Protein backbone atom coordinates (compact mmCIF):
# COMPACT_ATOMS: atom_id res chain seq x y z
CA UNK A 1 -71.33 -200.38 177.38
CA UNK A 2 -69.21 -198.95 174.70
CA UNK A 3 -70.22 -199.01 171.12
CA UNK A 4 -67.03 -199.73 168.66
CA UNK A 5 -66.57 -199.24 165.01
CA UNK A 6 -63.94 -201.25 163.55
CA UNK A 7 -63.23 -199.88 159.99
CA UNK A 8 -60.23 -199.80 157.36
CA UNK A 9 -58.16 -202.56 158.53
CA UNK A 10 -55.69 -204.49 156.36
CA UNK A 11 -55.87 -203.33 152.80
CA UNK A 12 -58.66 -200.75 153.29
CA UNK A 13 -56.61 -198.16 155.31
CA UNK A 14 -58.73 -194.67 156.02
CA UNK A 15 -57.46 -191.50 154.72
CA UNK A 16 -56.94 -189.30 157.73
CA UNK A 17 -59.33 -186.72 157.00
CA UNK A 18 -62.03 -189.26 156.48
CA UNK A 19 -61.18 -190.58 159.80
CA UNK A 20 -61.28 -187.21 161.40
CA UNK A 21 -64.75 -186.47 160.10
CA UNK A 22 -66.00 -189.73 161.31
CA UNK A 23 -64.75 -188.67 164.63
CA UNK A 24 -66.21 -185.33 164.85
CA UNK A 25 -69.64 -186.77 163.75
CA UNK A 26 -69.53 -189.45 166.70
CA UNK A 27 -68.16 -186.81 168.95
CA UNK A 28 -71.10 -184.50 168.26
CA UNK A 29 -73.58 -187.61 168.85
CA UNK A 30 -71.85 -188.33 172.48
CA UNK A 31 -72.07 -184.55 173.33
CA UNK A 32 -75.75 -184.30 172.44
CA UNK A 33 -76.48 -187.58 174.08
CA UNK A 34 -77.68 -189.38 171.04
CA UNK A 35 -75.06 -191.96 171.13
CA UNK A 36 -73.08 -193.51 173.84
CA UNK A 37 -69.38 -193.40 174.34
CA UNK A 38 -67.77 -195.19 171.15
CA UNK A 39 -64.42 -196.44 170.24
CA UNK A 40 -63.22 -196.26 166.57
CA UNK A 41 -60.25 -198.65 165.61
CA UNK A 42 -58.70 -198.26 162.11
CA UNK A 43 -55.34 -198.27 160.25
CA UNK A 44 -54.78 -194.97 158.43
CA UNK A 45 -53.07 -194.29 154.96
CA UNK A 46 -49.74 -193.07 155.53
CA UNK A 47 -49.76 -189.57 157.07
CA UNK A 48 -47.94 -187.40 159.32
CA UNK A 49 -49.95 -185.40 161.92
CA UNK A 50 -48.92 -182.52 164.26
CA UNK A 51 -50.36 -181.73 167.45
CA UNK A 52 -50.35 -178.14 168.62
CA UNK A 53 -47.04 -178.28 170.44
CA UNK A 54 -45.26 -179.49 167.51
CA UNK A 55 -42.21 -177.15 166.70
CA UNK A 56 -40.90 -176.38 163.27
CA UNK A 57 -37.54 -178.49 163.89
CA UNK A 58 -39.59 -181.59 164.41
CA UNK A 59 -41.30 -181.66 161.10
CA UNK A 60 -39.95 -183.54 158.03
CA UNK A 61 -36.97 -181.92 156.51
CA UNK A 62 -37.83 -183.20 153.02
CA UNK A 63 -41.02 -181.26 152.78
CA UNK A 64 -43.56 -183.99 153.09
CA UNK A 65 -46.95 -182.93 153.85
CA UNK A 66 -48.02 -182.65 157.56
CA UNK A 67 -51.82 -182.34 158.95
CA UNK A 68 -52.00 -180.25 161.59
CA UNK A 69 -54.57 -181.18 164.17
CA UNK A 70 -56.23 -179.91 167.41
CA UNK A 71 -55.06 -182.82 169.72
CA UNK A 72 -52.33 -182.50 172.41
CA UNK A 73 -48.65 -183.68 171.90
CA UNK A 74 -46.51 -183.21 168.97
CA UNK A 75 -45.75 -184.77 165.66
CA UNK A 76 -46.15 -188.29 164.89
CA UNK A 77 -46.82 -190.74 161.92
CA UNK A 78 -50.00 -193.11 161.16
CA UNK A 79 -50.19 -195.58 158.56
CA UNK A 80 -50.77 -199.29 157.42
CA UNK A 81 -49.67 -201.85 160.21
CA UNK A 82 -50.62 -199.46 163.12
CA UNK A 83 -53.87 -199.85 165.04
CA UNK A 84 -55.14 -196.31 165.68
CA UNK A 85 -57.85 -196.05 168.65
CA UNK A 86 -60.23 -193.13 168.89
CA UNK A 87 -62.19 -193.57 172.18
CA UNK A 88 -64.82 -190.87 172.06
CA UNK A 89 -66.12 -190.85 175.68
CA UNK A 90 -67.94 -188.35 178.14
CA UNK A 91 -65.38 -187.96 181.00
CA UNK A 92 -66.87 -187.62 184.77
CA UNK A 93 -66.68 -184.58 186.65
CA UNK A 94 -64.30 -183.27 187.66
CA UNK A 95 -62.49 -183.86 184.40
CA UNK A 96 -59.26 -185.36 184.79
CA UNK A 97 -57.36 -185.24 181.62
CA UNK A 98 -54.26 -186.77 182.84
CA UNK A 99 -56.10 -189.55 184.63
CA UNK A 100 -57.61 -190.36 181.25
CA UNK A 101 -54.34 -190.51 179.56
CA UNK A 102 -52.95 -192.88 182.28
CA UNK A 103 -56.03 -194.99 181.89
CA UNK A 104 -55.34 -195.55 178.01
CA UNK A 105 -51.86 -196.31 179.04
CA UNK A 106 -52.95 -199.09 181.29
CA UNK A 107 -55.30 -200.53 178.63
CA UNK A 108 -52.32 -200.66 176.08
CA UNK A 109 -49.95 -202.12 178.72
CA UNK A 110 -52.58 -204.59 179.59
CA UNK A 111 -52.84 -205.58 175.87
CA UNK A 112 -49.05 -205.90 175.30
CA UNK A 113 -48.78 -208.06 178.55
CA UNK A 114 -51.21 -210.67 176.91
CA UNK A 115 -48.72 -211.00 174.12
CA UNK A 116 -45.95 -211.28 176.36
CA UNK A 117 -44.28 -207.88 176.17
CA UNK A 118 -43.62 -205.85 179.30
CA UNK A 119 -44.93 -202.41 178.33
CA UNK A 120 -44.25 -199.51 181.00
CA UNK A 121 -44.58 -195.93 181.44
CA UNK A 122 -41.58 -193.37 181.35
CA UNK A 123 -41.71 -190.83 183.72
CA UNK A 124 -42.60 -187.26 182.27
CA UNK A 125 -43.55 -188.78 178.68
CA UNK A 126 -46.92 -190.23 177.54
CA UNK A 127 -47.53 -193.44 175.90
CA UNK A 128 -46.22 -196.89 176.34
CA UNK A 129 -42.72 -197.80 176.01
CA UNK A 130 -40.43 -200.89 176.23
CA UNK A 131 -36.91 -201.91 176.40
CA UNK A 132 -34.18 -202.24 179.00
CA UNK A 133 -31.71 -199.36 179.18
CA UNK A 134 -32.76 -197.93 175.88
CA UNK A 135 -36.56 -196.81 175.81
CA UNK A 136 -38.42 -197.50 172.60
CA UNK A 137 -41.84 -195.95 172.22
CA UNK A 138 -44.50 -198.79 171.06
CA UNK A 139 -47.84 -196.63 171.42
CA UNK A 140 -48.15 -192.97 171.23
CA UNK A 141 -51.26 -190.89 172.86
CA UNK A 142 -52.59 -187.66 172.08
CA UNK A 143 -56.05 -186.43 173.08
CA UNK A 144 -58.29 -183.57 173.18
CA UNK A 145 -61.47 -183.18 175.20
CA UNK A 146 -64.22 -180.74 173.90
CA UNK A 147 -67.59 -180.36 175.80
CA UNK A 148 -66.46 -182.92 178.31
CA UNK A 149 -65.87 -185.55 175.56
CA UNK A 150 -62.73 -187.04 174.23
CA UNK A 151 -61.48 -187.02 170.93
CA UNK A 152 -58.20 -188.51 169.10
CA UNK A 153 -56.47 -191.13 171.33
CA UNK A 154 -53.59 -193.69 170.78
CA UNK A 155 -51.72 -195.34 167.96
CA UNK A 156 -50.43 -198.93 168.72
CA UNK A 157 -47.46 -199.96 166.33
CA UNK A 158 -47.91 -203.44 165.40
CA UNK A 159 -46.50 -204.44 161.93
CA UNK A 160 -45.88 -200.95 160.62
CA UNK A 161 -42.51 -199.77 158.89
CA UNK A 162 -40.44 -197.77 161.04
CA UNK A 163 -38.94 -195.82 158.22
CA UNK A 164 -41.21 -193.00 158.36
CA UNK A 165 -40.07 -191.98 161.65
CA UNK A 166 -36.57 -191.23 160.42
CA UNK A 167 -38.07 -188.18 158.98
CA UNK A 168 -39.25 -186.53 162.14
CA UNK A 169 -38.62 -185.99 165.47
CA UNK A 170 -41.18 -188.37 166.73
CA UNK A 171 -43.31 -186.95 169.58
CA UNK A 172 -40.65 -184.47 170.13
CA UNK A 173 -38.57 -186.93 171.70
CA UNK A 174 -34.79 -187.12 170.52
CA UNK A 175 -33.15 -189.47 173.02
CA UNK A 176 -35.49 -192.41 172.67
CA UNK A 177 -36.46 -194.92 169.73
CA UNK A 178 -39.61 -196.25 168.37
CA UNK A 179 -40.45 -199.82 167.94
CA UNK A 180 -43.49 -202.25 166.93
CA UNK A 181 -45.15 -205.27 168.43
CA UNK A 182 -43.91 -207.57 165.44
CA UNK A 183 -40.23 -206.31 166.07
CA UNK A 184 -40.26 -207.00 169.87
CA UNK A 185 -41.73 -210.59 169.39
CA UNK A 186 -40.02 -211.61 166.20
CA UNK A 187 -43.02 -212.68 164.35
CA UNK A 188 -45.92 -210.65 162.60
CA UNK A 189 -48.81 -209.30 164.59
CA UNK A 190 -51.07 -207.37 162.73
CA UNK A 191 -53.63 -204.51 164.00
CA UNK A 192 -56.58 -206.86 163.42
CA UNK A 193 -54.84 -209.50 165.63
CA UNK A 194 -55.11 -207.02 168.51
CA UNK A 195 -58.63 -205.53 168.06
CA UNK A 196 -60.27 -207.94 170.49
CA UNK A 197 -58.03 -207.74 173.50
CA UNK A 198 -58.06 -203.57 172.87
CA UNK A 199 -61.91 -203.55 172.92
CA UNK A 200 -62.20 -205.84 175.88
CA UNK A 201 -59.62 -203.87 177.94
CA UNK A 202 -61.34 -200.45 177.03
CA UNK A 203 -64.41 -201.84 178.18
CA UNK A 204 -63.18 -203.09 181.50
CA UNK A 205 -61.46 -199.78 182.01
CA UNK A 206 -64.82 -197.82 181.32
CA UNK A 207 -66.87 -200.14 183.40
CA UNK A 208 -64.34 -199.62 186.22
CA UNK A 209 -64.82 -195.67 185.98
CA UNK A 210 -68.43 -196.01 185.82
CA UNK A 211 -68.79 -198.33 189.16
């Protein structure tokens, strides 16, 4: 069974550094065996975060602050209206990082399918995508594995503004767009509205790995 921590939704967005401190505490507890695998779900206050592979020309050109983090991937934005998930899990041996990323993609594709959205992978690019002809990213994934336990995770665009993405080269990708669940469906779907299916599909995915 997965433990879950759901915090900072709607008007109570969590500052990024506070969320990172919570991740680190839970990660240490899972590494030490004092806590089971845990997923943290929240909304962040608006922030740009840059993974280890971010290049200078992908950062904001207006001097907007960026938090450099130890996850994989490149620069992205987090903020209100976006559900951020941090699954902190011990991976089975031998550790398969790519397989874990694909598992997160499968979870998010299943969640989108329940809403009537056909999410898919794009070859050579992580995350979940929608659209016919023109690829639009609806969920980003960036992870780290330390001591066999995962950190960081995914960001699912629900009802957030897309304006912040105009200041950066999101995820280092110049030839594709970004979208949200609300934009695709033409109605408002908030992060709190997808918490239950996200937890359910994460639980099912972990149960399948353990079987």
